[in-house]
Every structure is written in structure tokens, then in C-alpha cells.
Protein backbone atom coordinates (compact mmCIF):
# COMPACT_ATOMS: atom_id res chain seq x y z
CA MET A 1 3.08 -0.12 -37.25
CA GLU A 2 1.54 3.29 -37.82
CA SER A 3 -1.69 1.56 -38.85
CA THR A 4 -1.65 -0.29 -35.52
CA PHE A 5 -1.78 3.01 -33.63
CA ALA A 6 -4.47 4.28 -35.99
CA ALA A 7 -6.62 1.25 -35.12
CA TYR A 8 -6.67 2.55 -31.56
CA GLY A 9 -7.84 5.99 -32.68
CA MET A 10 -4.42 7.65 -32.72
CA PRO A 11 -3.49 8.58 -36.31
CA GLY A 12 -0.30 10.38 -37.26
CA GLU A 13 3.36 9.65 -36.80
CA PRO A 14 4.10 8.30 -33.29
CA GLY A 15 6.23 10.66 -31.27
CA THR A 16 5.11 13.84 -33.01
CA GLY A 17 3.26 16.65 -31.30
CA ALA A 18 0.05 15.80 -33.16
CA PHE A 19 0.30 12.19 -32.05
CA TRP A 20 0.73 13.09 -28.38
CA THR A 21 -2.15 15.55 -28.56
CA ALA A 22 -4.44 12.74 -29.68
CA ALA A 23 -2.90 10.10 -27.41
CA LYS A 24 -5.20 8.30 -25.01
CA GLY A 25 -4.90 5.22 -22.96
CA PRO A 26 -5.49 2.55 -22.41
CA ALA A 27 -7.32 2.02 -25.72
CA ALA A 28 -8.82 -1.34 -26.68
CA VAL A 29 -9.77 -3.16 -29.86
CA PRO A 30 -11.35 -6.63 -30.20
CA SER A 31 -8.90 -9.51 -30.43
CA ASP A 32 -9.68 -13.24 -30.48
CA ASP A 33 -11.93 -13.90 -27.46
CA GLY A 34 -10.96 -10.72 -25.67
CA TRP A 35 -9.21 -7.43 -26.29
CA ALA A 36 -5.90 -5.98 -27.35
CA VAL A 37 -5.20 -3.00 -25.09
CA LEU A 38 -2.66 -0.31 -25.93
CA PHE A 39 -0.62 1.34 -23.18
CA LEU A 40 1.54 4.39 -23.90
CA TRP A 41 4.40 6.16 -22.17
CA ARG A 42 6.36 9.23 -23.20
CA GLY A 43 10.02 9.55 -22.26
CA SER A 44 12.41 6.94 -20.89
CA PRO A 45 12.06 3.11 -20.86
CA ALA A 46 9.08 1.87 -18.86
CA SER A 47 6.99 -1.16 -17.99
CA VAL A 48 3.33 -1.57 -17.07
CA HIS A 49 2.48 -3.43 -13.85
CA PHE A 50 -0.87 -4.94 -12.91
CA GLU A 51 -2.62 -5.62 -9.61
CA SER A 52 -2.42 -9.42 -9.39
CA TRP A 53 -3.77 -10.11 -12.88
CA SER A 54 -0.56 -10.37 -14.91
CA GLU A 55 3.20 -10.17 -14.72
CA PRO A 56 4.72 -6.78 -15.69
CA VAL A 57 4.96 -6.04 -19.40
CA ALA A 58 7.91 -4.09 -20.84
CA LEU A 59 7.04 -1.28 -23.24
CA ARG A 60 8.81 -1.05 -26.61
CA ARG A 61 10.18 2.08 -28.18
CA TRP A 62 8.92 3.41 -31.49
CA GLY A 63 12.04 3.99 -33.54
CA GLU A 64 14.17 6.79 -32.10
CA THR A 65 11.19 8.73 -30.72
CA ASP A 66 10.07 9.31 -27.15
CA CYS A 67 7.09 6.97 -27.70
CA TRP A 68 7.01 3.72 -25.71
CA TYR A 69 4.09 1.32 -26.09
CA ALA A 70 2.77 -2.16 -25.36
CA GLU A 71 -0.18 -4.06 -26.76
CA VAL A 72 -1.47 -6.30 -23.96
CA ALA A 73 -3.88 -9.17 -24.57
CA MET A 74 -6.71 -9.00 -22.05
CA PRO A 75 -9.63 -11.38 -21.59
CA ALA A 76 -13.26 -10.38 -21.91
CA ARG A 77 -14.73 -8.61 -18.88
CA LEU A 78 -11.77 -7.29 -16.96
CA ARG A 79 -11.23 -4.26 -14.74
CA VAL A 80 -7.73 -3.92 -13.37
CA THR A 81 -5.54 -1.58 -11.37
CA TYR A 82 -2.19 -0.84 -12.98
CA TRP A 83 0.75 1.55 -12.89
CA LEU A 84 3.80 2.38 -14.99
CA VAL A 85 7.37 2.14 -13.74
CA SER A 86 10.17 4.21 -15.26
CA ASP A 87 13.63 4.65 -13.78
CA GLY A 88 12.47 2.75 -10.71
CA VAL A 89 9.60 5.14 -9.96
CA ALA A 90 5.89 4.22 -10.12
CA TYR A 91 3.48 6.55 -11.92
CA ALA A 92 -0.21 6.70 -12.70
CA ASP A 93 -0.88 6.57 -16.43
CA PRO A 94 -0.68 10.19 -17.67
CA PHE A 95 -3.05 9.36 -20.54
CA ASN A 96 -5.75 7.86 -18.32
CA PRO A 97 -8.02 10.17 -16.28
CA VAL A 98 -9.20 7.37 -13.96
CA SER A 99 -6.91 6.65 -11.02
CA ALA A 100 -6.80 4.86 -7.69
CA GLY A 101 -4.51 7.12 -5.70
CA GLY A 102 -1.58 9.15 -6.94
CA GLU A 103 0.40 6.23 -8.39
CA ARG A 104 -2.29 3.87 -9.69
CA SER A 105 -4.72 3.90 -12.62
CA ILE A 106 -7.75 1.78 -13.52
CA ALA A 107 -8.32 0.14 -16.89
CA ALA A 108 -11.50 -1.62 -17.99
CA THR A 109 -12.22 -3.57 -21.15
CA PRO A 110 -15.18 -2.16 -23.10
CA ASP A 111 -17.40 -5.08 -22.03
CA ALA A 112 -16.74 -4.66 -18.30
CA PRO A 113 -19.93 -3.63 -16.44
CA ALA A 114 -20.27 0.02 -15.50
CA GLN A 115 -19.76 1.23 -11.93
CA PRO A 116 -22.23 4.11 -11.85
CA HIS A 117 -21.73 5.28 -8.26
CA TRP A 118 -17.93 5.50 -8.39
CA PRO A 119 -16.74 8.81 -9.87
CA ALA A 120 -13.65 9.04 -12.06
CA ILE A 121 -10.90 10.34 -9.80
CA GLY A 122 -7.69 11.76 -11.27
CA PRO A 123 -4.26 11.08 -9.74
CA ASP A 124 -4.00 14.64 -8.40
CA ASP A 125 -7.50 14.76 -6.94
CA VAL A 126 -7.93 14.75 -3.17
CA LEU A 127 -10.81 12.56 -2.05
CA PRO A 128 -13.37 13.97 0.38
CA LEU A 129 -13.09 12.57 3.89
CA PRO A 130 -15.76 12.03 6.55
CA SER A 131 -15.91 14.93 8.98
CA VAL A 132 -16.18 12.65 12.03
CA ARG A 133 -12.86 11.32 13.23
CA LEU A 134 -12.50 9.04 16.25
CA ARG A 135 -9.23 8.33 18.03
CA TRP A 136 -9.28 4.68 19.06
CA THR A 137 -6.70 3.41 21.53
CA THR A 138 -7.34 -0.28 22.08
CA GLU A 139 -6.45 -2.29 25.14
CA ARG A 140 -7.35 -5.56 23.45
CA LEU A 141 -5.53 -5.47 20.15
CA ASN A 142 -1.78 -5.90 20.17
CA GLY A 143 0.48 -7.56 17.65
CA ARG A 144 3.78 -7.49 15.87
CA LEU A 145 3.72 -3.70 15.69
CA GLY A 146 3.48 -3.45 19.47
CA GLU A 147 2.32 -0.13 20.89
CA ARG A 148 1.74 1.38 17.45
CA LEU A 149 -0.95 -1.19 16.72
CA ARG A 150 -3.00 0.05 19.65
CA ARG A 151 -3.66 3.54 18.26
CA ARG A 152 -5.48 4.45 15.10
CA THR A 153 -7.85 7.00 13.59
CA VAL A 154 -11.28 5.71 12.61
CA ARG A 155 -13.48 7.87 10.39
CA VAL A 156 -17.27 7.67 10.47
CA HIS A 157 -19.79 8.84 7.86
CA PRO A 158 -23.62 8.71 8.16
CA ALA A 159 -24.68 8.13 4.54
CA GLY A 160 -28.25 9.34 4.09
CA GLY A 161 -28.40 10.38 7.73
CA GLY A 162 -27.07 7.14 9.16
CA GLY A 163 -28.43 3.73 10.05
CA PRO A 164 -26.99 0.21 10.41
CA VAL A 165 -23.22 0.25 10.86
CA VAL A 166 -21.19 -0.90 7.86
CA LEU A 167 -17.69 -1.69 9.08
CA LEU A 168 -15.28 -1.33 6.15
CA LEU A 169 -12.12 -3.32 6.77
CA ASP A 170 -8.99 -1.88 5.11
CA GLY A 171 -10.76 1.43 5.65
CA ASP A 172 -7.86 3.60 4.49
CA ASP A 173 -8.06 2.07 1.00
CA TRP A 174 -11.73 3.06 0.86
CA LEU A 175 -10.84 6.56 2.04
CA TYR A 176 -7.74 7.44 0.03
CA LEU A 177 -7.74 5.18 -3.06
CA HIS A 178 -11.40 4.54 -3.83
CA PRO A 179 -14.09 7.13 -2.92
CA ALA A 180 -16.40 4.88 -0.92
CA MET A 181 -18.03 7.76 0.94
CA THR A 182 -19.11 9.36 -2.35
CA ALA A 183 -20.24 6.03 -3.80
CA PHE A 184 -22.35 5.08 -0.77
CA ASP A 185 -23.91 8.56 -0.70
CA SER A 186 -24.84 8.17 -4.36
CA ALA A 187 -26.32 4.68 -3.92
CA VAL A 188 -28.37 5.81 -0.90
CA ALA A 189 -29.61 8.93 -2.72
CA ARG A 190 -30.80 6.79 -5.65
CA GLY A 191 -32.61 4.33 -3.41
CA GLU A 192 -30.29 1.40 -4.06
CA LEU A 193 -29.14 1.27 -0.43
CA PRO A 194 -30.87 2.18 2.82
CA PRO A 195 -29.19 4.86 4.94
CA VAL A 196 -26.13 3.42 6.68
CA THR A 197 -23.31 4.58 8.91
CA LEU A 198 -19.92 3.83 7.42
CA VAL A 199 -17.06 3.07 9.83
CA PHE A 200 -13.67 3.03 8.09
CA LEU A 201 -11.37 0.73 10.07
CA PRO A 202 -7.73 1.08 9.00
CA ALA A 203 -5.49 -1.97 9.08
CA LEU A 204 -2.00 -1.39 10.44
CA ASP A 205 -0.80 -4.99 10.05
CA ARG A 206 -3.18 -6.91 7.78
CA GLU A 207 -1.68 -10.36 8.17
CA ASP A 208 -1.58 -10.10 11.94
CA GLU A 209 -5.00 -8.47 12.44
CA PHE A 210 -6.99 -10.39 9.82
CA GLY A 211 -5.44 -13.82 10.31
CA CYS A 212 -8.36 -15.49 12.12
CA ARG A 213 -7.57 -14.11 15.56
CA PRO A 214 -10.25 -13.29 18.13
CA GLU A 215 -8.57 -10.18 19.54
CA LEU A 216 -9.64 -7.97 16.65
CA TRP A 217 -13.30 -8.83 17.07
CA GLU A 218 -13.19 -8.61 20.84
CA ALA A 219 -11.78 -5.11 20.39
CA VAL A 220 -14.46 -4.20 17.83
CA ARG A 221 -17.20 -5.47 20.15
CA ASP A 222 -15.95 -4.06 23.42
CA GLU A 223 -14.17 -0.87 22.34
CA LEU A 224 -14.83 0.35 18.81
CA LEU A 225 -18.61 -0.04 18.58
CA PRO A 226 -19.19 1.66 21.98
CA LEU A 227 -16.93 4.47 20.77
CA VAL A 228 -19.06 4.85 17.63
CA ALA A 229 -22.26 4.71 19.68
CA GLY A 230 -21.00 7.51 21.91
CA SER A 231 -19.77 9.70 19.06
CA GLY A 232 -23.06 11.50 18.46
CA VAL A 233 -23.32 10.11 14.92
CA PRO A 234 -26.61 8.28 14.25
CA ALA A 235 -25.58 4.62 14.17
CA ASP A 236 -27.46 1.39 14.74
CA THR A 237 -24.64 -0.69 16.20
CA GLY A 238 -27.07 -3.55 16.76
CA ARG A 239 -27.32 -4.10 13.00
CA LEU A 240 -23.70 -4.55 11.97
CA VAL A 241 -22.51 -5.36 8.45
CA VAL A 242 -18.86 -6.32 8.06
CA ALA A 243 -17.40 -5.79 4.58
CA GLY A 244 -13.96 -7.15 3.80
CA GLN A 245 -11.78 -8.11 0.85
CA SER A 246 -8.96 -10.64 0.56
CA LEU A 247 -7.61 -11.15 4.11
CA GLY A 248 -10.32 -8.76 5.27
CA GLY A 249 -12.93 -11.05 3.73
CA LEU A 250 -11.38 -13.98 5.55
CA SER A 251 -11.58 -12.09 8.84
CA ALA A 252 -15.18 -11.02 8.22
CA VAL A 253 -16.37 -14.61 7.72
CA TYR A 254 -14.26 -15.78 10.67
CA ALA A 255 -16.00 -13.15 12.83
CA ALA A 256 -19.42 -14.40 11.74
CA LEU A 257 -18.47 -17.95 12.76
CA GLU A 258 -16.74 -17.17 16.05
CA PHE A 259 -18.77 -14.11 17.12
CA PRO A 260 -22.28 -14.80 15.76
CA GLU A 261 -23.91 -12.54 18.36
CA LEU A 262 -21.86 -9.66 16.92
CA VAL A 263 -21.64 -10.38 13.18
CA SER A 264 -24.58 -11.84 11.27
CA ARG A 265 -24.27 -9.91 7.98
CA VAL A 266 -21.16 -10.14 5.83
CA ALA A 267 -20.14 -8.81 2.41
CA CYS A 268 -17.04 -10.76 1.42
CA GLN A 269 -15.07 -10.14 -1.77
CA SER A 270 -12.28 -12.57 -2.74
CA GLY A 271 -11.86 -13.90 0.77
CA SER A 272 -8.42 -15.44 1.41
CA PHE A 273 -9.86 -18.82 2.34
CA TRP A 274 -6.57 -20.53 1.58
CA TRP A 275 -5.33 -19.16 4.92
CA THR A 276 -3.93 -21.42 7.60
CA PRO A 277 -1.39 -20.39 10.28
CA GLY A 278 1.94 -19.84 8.55
CA ALA A 279 0.58 -20.26 5.03
CA ALA A 280 1.41 -16.69 4.01
CA ALA A 281 5.12 -17.42 4.47
CA LEU A 282 5.09 -20.45 2.16
CA ALA A 283 6.36 -20.39 -1.41
CA ASP A 284 2.84 -21.33 -2.57
CA PRO A 285 0.37 -19.98 0.01
CA LEU A 286 -2.63 -21.12 -2.05
CA GLY A 287 -1.40 -24.69 -2.37
CA GLY A 288 -2.74 -25.95 0.95
CA PRO A 289 -6.05 -27.57 1.84
CA ALA A 290 -9.10 -26.07 0.16
CA GLY A 291 -10.91 -23.59 2.36
CA GLY A 292 -8.16 -23.50 4.99
CA VAL A 293 -9.10 -22.73 8.57
CA VAL A 294 -12.52 -21.32 7.68
CA ALA A 295 -13.60 -24.56 6.00
CA ASP A 296 -12.66 -26.47 9.16
CA LEU A 297 -14.67 -24.03 11.28
CA LEU A 298 -17.67 -24.37 8.98
CA ARG A 299 -17.64 -28.15 9.26
CA ARG A 300 -18.10 -27.73 13.02
CA ARG A 301 -20.96 -25.22 12.72
CA PRO A 302 -24.19 -27.22 12.28
CA ASP A 303 -26.50 -24.20 12.34
CA LEU A 304 -25.76 -20.90 10.60
CA SER A 305 -29.41 -20.01 10.03
CA GLY A 306 -28.84 -16.55 11.50
CA LEU A 307 -26.09 -15.64 9.03
CA ARG A 308 -26.60 -13.71 5.81
CA VAL A 309 -23.44 -13.58 3.70
CA ALA A 310 -22.67 -12.41 0.16
CA PHE A 311 -19.62 -13.98 -1.46
CA ASP A 312 -17.98 -12.46 -4.52
CA MET A 313 -14.82 -13.54 -6.30
CA GLY A 314 -13.04 -12.49 -9.49
CA GLU A 315 -13.59 -14.38 -12.71
CA HIS A 316 -9.88 -14.05 -13.39
CA GLU A 317 -8.39 -15.43 -10.14
CA PRO A 318 -8.67 -19.18 -10.86
CA ARG A 319 -6.50 -20.39 -7.98
CA MET A 320 -8.73 -18.62 -5.46
CA LEU A 321 -11.91 -20.23 -6.77
CA PRO A 322 -11.55 -23.76 -5.26
CA HIS A 323 -11.04 -22.26 -1.82
CA GLY A 324 -13.95 -19.86 -2.20
CA GLU A 325 -16.32 -22.41 -3.71
CA LEU A 326 -15.84 -24.84 -0.84
CA VAL A 327 -16.49 -22.14 1.77
CA GLU A 328 -19.59 -20.98 -0.12
CA THR A 329 -20.92 -24.54 -0.27
CA LEU A 330 -20.25 -25.30 3.39
CA ALA A 331 -21.84 -22.05 4.53
CA ALA A 332 -25.02 -22.76 2.57
CA ARG A 333 -25.08 -26.35 3.79
CA ALA A 334 -24.94 -25.12 7.38
CA GLY A 335 -28.07 -23.03 6.84
CA ALA A 336 -26.68 -19.58 6.08
CA THR A 337 -28.50 -17.43 3.57
CA VAL A 338 -25.85 -17.18 0.85
CA ARG A 339 -25.47 -15.14 -2.30
CA VAL A 340 -22.65 -15.99 -4.73
CA SER A 341 -21.40 -13.81 -7.58
CA ARG A 342 -18.31 -13.39 -9.74
CA SER A 343 -16.79 -10.04 -10.67
CA PRO A 344 -14.96 -9.18 -13.92
CA ALA A 345 -11.57 -8.93 -12.26
CA GLY A 346 -8.61 -10.61 -10.72
CA HIS A 347 -7.71 -10.02 -7.08
CA ASP A 348 -8.33 -6.31 -7.38
CA ARG A 349 -10.18 -3.64 -5.39
CA ALA A 350 -11.09 -1.85 -8.63
CA SER A 351 -13.82 -4.44 -9.21
CA TRP A 352 -14.52 -5.34 -5.59
CA ARG A 353 -15.95 -1.86 -5.17
CA HIS A 354 -19.01 -2.61 -7.33
CA ALA A 355 -19.70 -5.80 -5.38
CA LEU A 356 -19.25 -3.87 -2.14
CA LEU A 357 -22.27 -1.62 -2.74
CA ARG A 358 -24.44 -4.35 -4.22
CA ASP A 359 -23.72 -6.89 -1.51
CA VAL A 360 -24.08 -4.50 1.43
CA ALA A 361 -27.53 -3.64 0.07
CA TRP A 362 -28.41 -7.33 -0.21
CA VAL A 363 -27.33 -8.38 3.27
CA LEU A 364 -29.37 -5.54 4.74
CA GLU A 365 -32.53 -6.85 3.06
CA GLY A 366 -32.77 -9.65 5.61
């Protein structure tokens, strides 16, 4: 077993001071058609949990030491968010310098594509926030959270001086877990994106707000965008890009179909196109008709020639693919300008973030 640890670049007796000094994680070595990835934990029993890609894996103890470990088989091309749980508490991996918030870490197999604009953020780092903060109290948007759903803080950042508005759904994730402001600034500075104005829209009740309901987009049109326009931040609200993931991706495409005068550019990652009313409460939400409500809407839209939409989905989320592929096909058939790509991930924001920059740049080309 000692030679197993040595294969990962950690020689010495597991559990000793020298071993822990050299410890790193997660470390990967080739295995079959993918990788064997070593996760470590020091102390009490623990398990490693993954964002959608795999069931939790229990770590094993090395002898009577404080060393707990697991070798996890991973496929080629995978980037995944994970965390360790010990004594019922979730922790970021103490041996991994790359995190997504204080309790999450990011692992990538050696063949996963680089994400050059996204800096490595440690679990104790505080992400920079946009200096412009808008208080939005909506009269249009109500839901299961009642009065609380009407009030939220929306942050705005003019990357490169500002330009077309990029509305980031699930905006708090892009503020506090993944440094989107820094990444967009970097991409603009290197000429890979035109200047844009980022609007971070937090979701207070994702299922209620993003479940193909018109109230959200009426509120964006009639309340939020005028608020942004009057904020003093340079912002071209007439050129709106909506970027959404999972249920946010579903809502973004729904907005383009039902509010074409408002939304004509969409960057959609892993859209939840299985969605139909009530599906989320089923034992198998993805087991319904392919494409769900959005596919039905697309069949009734004979002309989408004004729509430019980039679809991305994870290589490792096979049950999502039939839903996404049908929506992609129907959108192209209706005349939309469509770009389709697949990311090295499951249903995970850690890989959506690369597609986010690339696809926002592409939809703004037209």
C-alpha cells in the first residue's frame, strides 16, 4: 500500500509528519480509460461527496494512523466540485488550494482543459465584489416566499468600461463561489470578450422563479433593466445577453421564446429541459417527455431567425443529453443561430464557468 501512495508522489510512511508535509490532493495517475484519483483526509472518519457526478465515497483508514484515503476512478476529461464530510460537517479539501466557497473544492483530471481566466481561489479567500449595488423591490415577482421574494440586492459591474448587459442568473453563485467578475475582466482585457456590463441576479427560490413563468421576465423587462439604466453605470440594455445554468438555462431559453423582443441572445449551460409543471417533485424528474415544456414551445415557434443561442452540456450527464439534444435540434430547425458544445463535466458549475465566457463572447458576435 505504501507504493500506492508513492505512485501519487507521496513517499514515506502514511500518517507520519514527513508524509503529511508532502501530502497533496487530489492527485491522479492514469488508469484504464481514465484516471485513478487519490483523496486524503487527516483525523476522524470521512467521506468525499461530489456535485452530481458520483455517489459519496467513504474513505478508508491506513492502519491505526490518522490517515484516511480513497482512490476514486474518474473518466477522462472531468472537472468536478467536491467536499469532504467528517462528523456530519462539510469541509473543503485541506490539501487542495482550489475551492468554490468555504466548504467546496474543485478537482480536475490532468486532461481537462484549462480555464485561464478563472483564478485559483482558496477556501478562506474573500472574492472581490462589484462596487455598484442596486436594491430591487419588485411589484411583479411574487412566489412561495411571499414578501421576501420581492426584495433583493443586485450587483452590477462594467467589465472593460461597460457595454451590452449580461444578465447572470443565479448571480450569487457567480459572486461568492466562482469569481465571475475577475474572469470577465480578464477575458475583456485579453480581447476575448467585448466590454460588457454584468448584472448579477440572485435567485431566492430557483424552482419557483425559473420554472417557465412569465412574471420573472416581466419584472426584468419592466423593473430591473430600467433600474440598471438609471444607475449611472454604462450599460446597453438594448443588447441583452441572458446566461443561465440548469434551471437558469431553462428559464433563459423560455425567455427567448416567450419574450423575443427582450431576449435574443442566450448562453445556456446544462439547461433543465426535462422540466414540466410538477416534474421536480417526481421520483424521477428526468423520466418525462424529452425536452419538456420548452420542446413543446419550440414546436409552435416557426421562426426563430432573430435568436442566437449557445447550448452547452456536460459530457458526463448522460440523462440530460436526450432532453438537451432535442431542444438544440428544434431551435436550429426553427431558424435560430445555434452553437452546441459539450463540457468535461457532469452537472457542475465548475465546468460551466468556462463555457460561460466562451458562449457570451460568441452570442455577442451576431
